Amino acid sequence: MTCPHGICYGLKWLLRQEGPRDHVDMLKSLAVLPNIIVCDIANMIVAHGRNRDLDVFGPNEGRVAEATRENIEKAESGELRVDWPWYPNGVHGQVDPFDSLRRVSCVRQLGGKMNLETAEQITF
């Protein structure tokens, strides 16, 4: 687990294939939870976290916007832009259409500024 500055906050060796349990274990071990978590299995992490009493993915269950038909259509067409003024400076293939609201590209400050493949390889 790293921050945008490259500082490593957590490390976990996998004894089996990666799964949501690994991410939730890491999150539960932190004294302070991060504001943003970027990963390729967000829907599974939210569900597993909820099952393990880690209900911190509100108000939109890990999505960057409310799950409305309008927001889903905008996200799927690449037109949804969410502003996170508190943040200082995405990925297709979801099964559930609501998951299009979990794309990093929907946030103006993150869209095009993160290499998700690199972030996933660095994040343990």
N, C-alpha and C. Protein backbone atom coordinates (compact mmCIF):
# COMPACT_ATOMS: atom_id res chain seq x y z
N MET A 1 0.85 -1.16 0.00
CA MET A 1 0.00 0.00 0.00
C MET A 1 0.89 1.22 0.00
N THR A 2 0.71 2.09 -0.97
CA THR A 2 1.53 3.30 -1.06
C THR A 2 0.65 4.52 -1.21
N CYS A 3 1.23 5.69 -0.92
CA CYS A 3 0.53 6.95 -1.13
C CYS A 3 0.99 7.52 -2.47
N PRO A 4 0.37 8.62 -2.94
CA PRO A 4 0.79 9.21 -4.21
C PRO A 4 2.24 9.67 -4.23
N HIS A 5 2.83 9.86 -3.06
CA HIS A 5 4.22 10.29 -2.98
C HIS A 5 5.20 9.11 -3.00
N GLY A 6 4.67 7.89 -3.07
CA GLY A 6 5.51 6.70 -3.13
C GLY A 6 5.90 6.15 -1.78
N ILE A 7 5.32 6.65 -0.70
CA ILE A 7 5.65 6.16 0.64
C ILE A 7 4.86 4.87 0.87
N CYS A 8 5.54 3.82 1.32
CA CYS A 8 4.90 2.53 1.56
C CYS A 8 4.35 2.50 2.98
N TYR A 9 3.03 2.29 3.10
CA TYR A 9 2.37 2.24 4.40
C TYR A 9 2.03 0.82 4.84
N GLY A 10 2.14 -0.11 3.94
CA GLY A 10 1.81 -1.48 4.30
C GLY A 10 2.37 -2.44 3.27
N LEU A 11 2.66 -3.63 3.73
CA LEU A 11 3.24 -4.65 2.87
C LEU A 11 2.69 -6.00 3.31
N LYS A 12 2.28 -6.79 2.35
CA LYS A 12 1.74 -8.11 2.69
C LYS A 12 2.21 -9.12 1.65
N TRP A 13 2.80 -10.20 2.12
CA TRP A 13 3.18 -11.29 1.22
C TRP A 13 1.98 -12.20 1.04
N LEU A 14 1.72 -12.55 -0.20
CA LEU A 14 0.56 -13.38 -0.50
C LEU A 14 0.94 -14.85 -0.51
N LEU A 15 0.21 -15.63 0.25
CA LEU A 15 0.43 -17.07 0.29
C LEU A 15 -0.45 -17.79 -0.71
N ARG A 16 -1.43 -17.08 -1.25
CA ARG A 16 -2.33 -17.60 -2.27
C ARG A 16 -2.63 -16.45 -3.22
N GLN A 17 -3.52 -16.65 -4.17
CA GLN A 17 -3.81 -15.56 -5.10
C GLN A 17 -4.45 -14.38 -4.38
N GLU A 18 -4.24 -13.18 -4.94
CA GLU A 18 -4.77 -11.96 -4.36
C GLU A 18 -6.30 -12.00 -4.32
N GLY A 19 -6.85 -11.49 -3.25
CA GLY A 19 -8.30 -11.42 -3.12
C GLY A 19 -8.70 -10.26 -2.24
N PRO A 20 -9.99 -10.03 -2.10
CA PRO A 20 -10.45 -8.90 -1.28
C PRO A 20 -10.03 -9.01 0.18
N ARG A 21 -9.87 -10.23 0.67
CA ARG A 21 -9.45 -10.42 2.06
C ARG A 21 -8.11 -9.73 2.32
N ASP A 22 -7.19 -9.82 1.36
CA ASP A 22 -5.87 -9.21 1.54
C ASP A 22 -5.98 -7.70 1.69
N HIS A 23 -6.79 -7.07 0.87
CA HIS A 23 -6.97 -5.62 0.95
C HIS A 23 -7.64 -5.22 2.25
N VAL A 24 -8.68 -5.95 2.64
CA VAL A 24 -9.40 -5.62 3.88
C VAL A 24 -8.48 -5.85 5.09
N ASP A 25 -7.68 -6.91 5.08
CA ASP A 25 -6.71 -7.14 6.16
C ASP A 25 -5.79 -5.93 6.31
N MET A 26 -5.27 -5.44 5.18
CA MET A 26 -4.37 -4.30 5.21
C MET A 26 -5.09 -3.06 5.76
N LEU A 27 -6.30 -2.82 5.28
CA LEU A 27 -7.04 -1.64 5.73
C LEU A 27 -7.35 -1.72 7.22
N LYS A 28 -7.74 -2.89 7.70
CA LYS A 28 -8.07 -3.05 9.12
C LYS A 28 -6.84 -2.91 10.00
N SER A 29 -5.65 -3.12 9.46
CA SER A 29 -4.44 -3.02 10.25
C SER A 29 -3.94 -1.58 10.39
N LEU A 30 -4.48 -0.66 9.60
CA LEU A 30 -4.03 0.73 9.65
C LEU A 30 -4.70 1.48 10.80
N ALA A 31 -3.95 2.35 11.44
CA ALA A 31 -4.51 3.18 12.52
C ALA A 31 -5.46 4.23 11.95
N VAL A 32 -5.12 4.77 10.78
CA VAL A 32 -5.94 5.77 10.11
C VAL A 32 -6.17 5.30 8.69
N LEU A 33 -7.43 5.21 8.29
CA LEU A 33 -7.76 4.73 6.95
C LEU A 33 -7.52 5.82 5.91
N PRO A 34 -7.07 5.45 4.72
CA PRO A 34 -6.86 6.43 3.66
C PRO A 34 -8.18 6.98 3.13
N ASN A 35 -8.12 8.18 2.55
CA ASN A 35 -9.31 8.79 1.94
C ASN A 35 -9.66 8.12 0.63
N ILE A 36 -8.66 7.63 -0.10
CA ILE A 36 -8.87 7.05 -1.42
C ILE A 36 -8.15 5.71 -1.49
N ILE A 37 -8.83 4.72 -2.05
CA ILE A 37 -8.21 3.42 -2.29
C ILE A 37 -8.43 3.11 -3.76
N VAL A 38 -7.34 2.87 -4.48
CA VAL A 38 -7.43 2.56 -5.90
C VAL A 38 -7.03 1.10 -6.09
N CYS A 39 -7.95 0.31 -6.66
CA CYS A 39 -7.66 -1.09 -6.92
C CYS A 39 -8.58 -1.59 -8.01
N ASP A 40 -8.27 -2.76 -8.53
CA ASP A 40 -9.05 -3.30 -9.64
C ASP A 40 -10.20 -4.20 -9.21
N ILE A 41 -10.36 -4.41 -7.91
CA ILE A 41 -11.46 -5.27 -7.42
C ILE A 41 -12.27 -4.52 -6.35
N ALA A 42 -12.57 -3.26 -6.63
CA ALA A 42 -13.23 -2.40 -5.64
C ALA A 42 -14.56 -2.97 -5.16
N ASN A 43 -15.37 -3.49 -6.09
CA ASN A 43 -16.68 -4.02 -5.69
C ASN A 43 -16.54 -5.18 -4.71
N MET A 44 -15.54 -6.03 -4.92
CA MET A 44 -15.34 -7.17 -4.02
C MET A 44 -14.79 -6.72 -2.66
N ILE A 45 -13.94 -5.69 -2.66
CA ILE A 45 -13.39 -5.19 -1.41
C ILE A 45 -14.49 -4.54 -0.56
N VAL A 46 -15.37 -3.77 -1.19
CA VAL A 46 -16.48 -3.16 -0.46
C VAL A 46 -17.36 -4.23 0.17
N ALA A 47 -17.73 -5.26 -0.61
CA ALA A 47 -18.59 -6.33 -0.10
C ALA A 47 -17.90 -7.10 1.02
N HIS A 48 -16.63 -7.47 0.83
CA HIS A 48 -15.91 -8.23 1.85
C HIS A 48 -15.69 -7.38 3.10
N GLY A 49 -15.38 -6.09 2.90
CA GLY A 49 -15.20 -5.20 4.04
C GLY A 49 -16.46 -5.07 4.87
N ARG A 50 -17.60 -4.96 4.19
CA ARG A 50 -18.88 -4.87 4.88
C ARG A 50 -19.13 -6.14 5.69
N ASN A 51 -18.78 -7.29 5.13
CA ASN A 51 -18.97 -8.56 5.85
C ASN A 51 -18.07 -8.67 7.07
N ARG A 52 -16.96 -7.94 7.05
CA ARG A 52 -16.01 -7.99 8.18
C ARG A 52 -16.06 -6.73 9.03
N ASP A 53 -17.20 -6.05 9.03
CA ASP A 53 -17.41 -4.86 9.87
C ASP A 53 -16.45 -3.72 9.55
N LEU A 54 -16.08 -3.57 8.28
CA LEU A 54 -15.29 -2.43 7.84
C LEU A 54 -16.18 -1.64 6.88
N ASP A 55 -17.10 -0.89 7.46
CA ASP A 55 -18.09 -0.17 6.66
C ASP A 55 -17.66 1.28 6.52
N VAL A 56 -16.60 1.52 5.76
CA VAL A 56 -16.05 2.87 5.60
C VAL A 56 -16.16 3.36 4.16
N PHE A 57 -16.88 2.63 3.34
CA PHE A 57 -16.92 2.97 1.92
C PHE A 57 -18.15 3.81 1.56
N GLY A 58 -18.70 4.52 2.52
CA GLY A 58 -19.86 5.35 2.29
C GLY A 58 -19.45 6.73 1.83
N PRO A 59 -20.34 7.52 1.34
CA PRO A 59 -21.77 7.24 1.27
C PRO A 59 -22.19 6.47 0.02
N ASN A 60 -21.26 6.22 -0.90
CA ASN A 60 -21.64 5.62 -2.18
C ASN A 60 -21.04 4.24 -2.41
N GLU A 61 -20.72 3.52 -1.35
CA GLU A 61 -20.15 2.16 -1.43
C GLU A 61 -18.90 2.10 -2.31
N GLY A 62 -18.01 3.06 -2.14
CA GLY A 62 -16.76 3.06 -2.89
C GLY A 62 -16.86 3.70 -4.26
N ARG A 63 -18.01 4.20 -4.61
CA ARG A 63 -18.17 4.88 -5.90
C ARG A 63 -17.90 6.36 -5.71
N VAL A 64 -17.51 7.05 -6.78
CA VAL A 64 -17.21 8.48 -6.67
C VAL A 64 -18.46 9.34 -6.82
N ALA A 65 -19.58 8.74 -7.14
CA ALA A 65 -20.84 9.49 -7.28
C ALA A 65 -22.01 8.58 -6.91
N GLU A 66 -23.15 9.19 -6.69
CA GLU A 66 -24.37 8.44 -6.36
C GLU A 66 -24.78 7.56 -7.54
N ALA A 67 -25.31 6.38 -7.24
CA ALA A 67 -25.68 5.41 -8.28
C ALA A 67 -27.03 5.75 -8.90
N THR A 68 -27.04 6.82 -9.70
CA THR A 68 -28.25 7.20 -10.43
C THR A 68 -28.08 6.83 -11.90
N ARG A 69 -29.16 6.67 -12.59
CA ARG A 69 -29.11 6.33 -14.02
C ARG A 69 -28.30 7.39 -14.79
N GLU A 70 -28.52 8.67 -14.46
CA GLU A 70 -27.81 9.76 -15.14
C GLU A 70 -26.29 9.65 -14.93
N ASN A 71 -25.86 9.42 -13.68
CA ASN A 71 -24.44 9.30 -13.39
C ASN A 71 -23.83 8.07 -14.07
N ILE A 72 -24.56 6.97 -14.10
CA ILE A 72 -24.06 5.76 -14.76
C ILE A 72 -23.87 6.01 -16.25
N GLU A 73 -24.85 6.65 -16.88
CA GLU A 73 -24.73 6.93 -18.32
C GLU A 73 -23.55 7.86 -18.60
N LYS A 74 -23.37 8.88 -17.77
CA LYS A 74 -22.24 9.80 -17.95
C LYS A 74 -20.91 9.07 -17.75
N ALA A 75 -20.83 8.20 -16.73
CA ALA A 75 -19.59 7.47 -16.47
C ALA A 75 -19.27 6.52 -17.61
N GLU A 76 -20.29 5.83 -18.14
CA GLU A 76 -20.06 4.87 -19.23
C GLU A 76 -19.65 5.58 -20.52
N SER A 77 -20.11 6.81 -20.71
CA SER A 77 -19.75 7.54 -21.93
C SER A 77 -18.48 8.38 -21.73
N GLY A 78 -17.93 8.36 -20.51
CA GLY A 78 -16.71 9.11 -20.24
C GLY A 78 -16.95 10.57 -19.95
N GLU A 79 -18.19 10.96 -19.69
CA GLU A 79 -18.53 12.36 -19.47
C GLU A 79 -18.64 12.75 -18.00
N LEU A 80 -18.67 11.78 -17.08
CA LEU A 80 -18.83 12.11 -15.67
C LEU A 80 -17.52 12.69 -15.13
N ARG A 81 -17.61 13.85 -14.52
CA ARG A 81 -16.46 14.47 -13.87
C ARG A 81 -16.89 14.91 -12.48
N VAL A 82 -16.21 14.40 -11.48
CA VAL A 82 -16.49 14.73 -10.09
C VAL A 82 -15.34 15.57 -9.58
N ASP A 83 -15.65 16.61 -8.85
CA ASP A 83 -14.61 17.49 -8.34
C ASP A 83 -14.33 17.17 -6.87
N TRP A 84 -13.07 16.91 -6.57
CA TRP A 84 -12.62 16.70 -5.20
C TRP A 84 -11.68 17.84 -4.84
N PRO A 85 -12.19 18.96 -4.41
CA PRO A 85 -11.31 20.10 -4.13
C PRO A 85 -10.33 19.82 -2.99
N TRP A 86 -10.63 18.87 -2.15
CA TRP A 86 -9.74 18.53 -1.03
C TRP A 86 -8.56 17.68 -1.46
N TYR A 87 -8.59 17.12 -2.68
CA TYR A 87 -7.50 16.27 -3.13
C TYR A 87 -6.51 17.09 -3.96
N PRO A 88 -5.20 17.12 -3.59
CA PRO A 88 -4.21 17.96 -4.27
C PRO A 88 -3.78 17.46 -5.63
N ASN A 89 -4.01 17.72 -6.20
CA ASN A 89 -3.69 17.23 -7.52
C ASN A 89 -3.85 15.71 -7.55
N GLY A 90 -9.04 5.70 -15.22
CA GLY A 90 -9.94 4.64 -14.93
C GLY A 90 -9.89 3.36 -15.77
N VAL A 91 -10.76 2.40 -15.32
CA VAL A 91 -10.63 1.02 -15.84
C VAL A 91 -12.00 0.47 -16.25
N HIS A 92 -12.11 -0.13 -17.46
CA HIS A 92 -13.38 -0.68 -17.93
C HIS A 92 -13.47 -2.18 -17.62
N GLY A 93 -14.61 -2.78 -17.91
CA GLY A 93 -14.75 -4.22 -17.78
C GLY A 93 -15.57 -4.64 -16.60
N GLN A 94 -16.30 -3.73 -16.00
CA GLN A 94 -17.12 -4.10 -14.85
C GLN A 94 -18.34 -4.90 -15.29
N VAL A 95 -18.86 -5.70 -14.39
CA VAL A 95 -20.04 -6.50 -14.67
C VAL A 95 -21.29 -5.72 -14.28
N ASP A 96 -21.27 -5.10 -13.12
CA ASP A 96 -22.39 -4.32 -12.62
C ASP A 96 -22.28 -2.89 -13.16
N PRO A 97 -23.31 -2.36 -13.83
CA PRO A 97 -23.21 -1.01 -14.37
C PRO A 97 -22.96 0.05 -13.30
N PHE A 98 -23.36 -0.20 -12.06
CA PHE A 98 -23.09 0.74 -10.99
C PHE A 98 -21.58 0.89 -10.75
N ASP A 99 -20.79 -0.13 -11.12
CA ASP A 99 -19.35 -0.07 -10.90
C ASP A 99 -18.66 0.95 -11.79
N SER A 100 -19.32 1.44 -12.83
CA SER A 100 -18.72 2.49 -13.65
C SER A 100 -18.51 3.75 -12.81
N LEU A 101 -19.19 3.85 -11.67
CA LEU A 101 -19.03 5.00 -10.78
C LEU A 101 -17.82 4.84 -9.86
N ARG A 102 -17.06 3.77 -10.03
CA ARG A 102 -15.83 3.58 -9.24
C ARG A 102 -14.58 3.96 -10.04
N ARG A 103 -14.74 4.49 -11.22
CA ARG A 103 -13.60 4.81 -12.09
C ARG A 103 -12.86 6.05 -11.59
N VAL A 104 -11.55 5.93 -11.55
CA VAL A 104 -10.71 7.05 -11.17
C VAL A 104 -10.88 8.20 -12.17
N SER A 105 -11.12 7.88 -13.43
CA SER A 105 -11.23 8.91 -14.46
C SER A 105 -12.42 9.85 -14.25
N CYS A 106 -13.36 9.49 -13.40
CA CYS A 106 -14.50 10.35 -13.12
C CYS A 106 -14.13 11.54 -12.24
N VAL A 107 -13.00 11.48 -11.57
CA VAL A 107 -12.56 12.55 -10.68
C VAL A 107 -11.57 13.43 -11.42
N ARG A 108 -11.88 14.72 -11.53
CA ARG A 108 -11.08 15.65 -12.32
C ARG A 108 -9.60 15.62 -11.92
N GLN A 109 -9.31 15.60 -10.63
CA GLN A 109 -7.92 15.65 -10.17
C GLN A 109 -7.17 14.34 -10.40
N LEU A 110 -7.87 13.22 -10.59
CA LEU A 110 -7.21 11.93 -10.76
C LEU A 110 -7.16 11.46 -12.22
N GLY A 111 -8.12 11.88 -13.03
CA GLY A 111 -8.21 11.42 -14.41
C GLY A 111 -6.96 11.72 -15.20
N GLY A 112 -6.32 10.68 -15.75
CA GLY A 112 -5.12 10.84 -16.57
C GLY A 112 -3.86 11.09 -15.79
N LYS A 113 -3.95 11.17 -14.47
CA LYS A 113 -2.77 11.47 -13.65
C LYS A 113 -2.24 10.25 -12.91
N MET A 114 -2.94 9.14 -13.02
CA MET A 114 -2.52 7.94 -12.32
C MET A 114 -2.31 6.82 -13.32
N ASN A 115 -1.21 6.12 -13.18
CA ASN A 115 -0.97 4.92 -13.97
C ASN A 115 -1.49 3.75 -13.13
N LEU A 116 -2.70 3.29 -13.45
CA LEU A 116 -3.34 2.27 -12.62
C LEU A 116 -2.59 0.95 -12.64
N GLU A 117 -1.96 0.62 -13.77
CA GLU A 117 -1.20 -0.63 -13.81
C GLU A 117 -0.01 -0.55 -12.87
N THR A 118 0.68 0.59 -12.85
CA THR A 118 1.80 0.76 -11.94
C THR A 118 1.32 0.75 -10.49
N ALA A 119 0.23 1.47 -10.22
CA ALA A 119 -0.30 1.52 -8.85
C ALA A 119 -0.67 0.13 -8.35
N GLU A 120 -1.26 -0.68 -9.22
CA GLU A 120 -1.65 -2.03 -8.83
C GLU A 120 -0.42 -2.90 -8.56
N GLN A 121 0.63 -2.74 -9.36
CA GLN A 121 1.83 -3.54 -9.15
C GLN A 121 2.57 -3.12 -7.90
N ILE A 122 2.51 -1.82 -7.57
CA ILE A 122 3.20 -1.33 -6.38
C ILE A 122 2.40 -1.66 -5.13
N THR A 123 1.08 -1.63 -5.21
CA THR A 123 0.22 -1.89 -4.06
C THR A 123 0.23 -3.37 -3.73
N PHE A 124 0.51 -3.69 -2.51
CA PHE A 124 0.59 -5.08 -2.10
C PHE A 124 -0.67 -5.49 -1.44
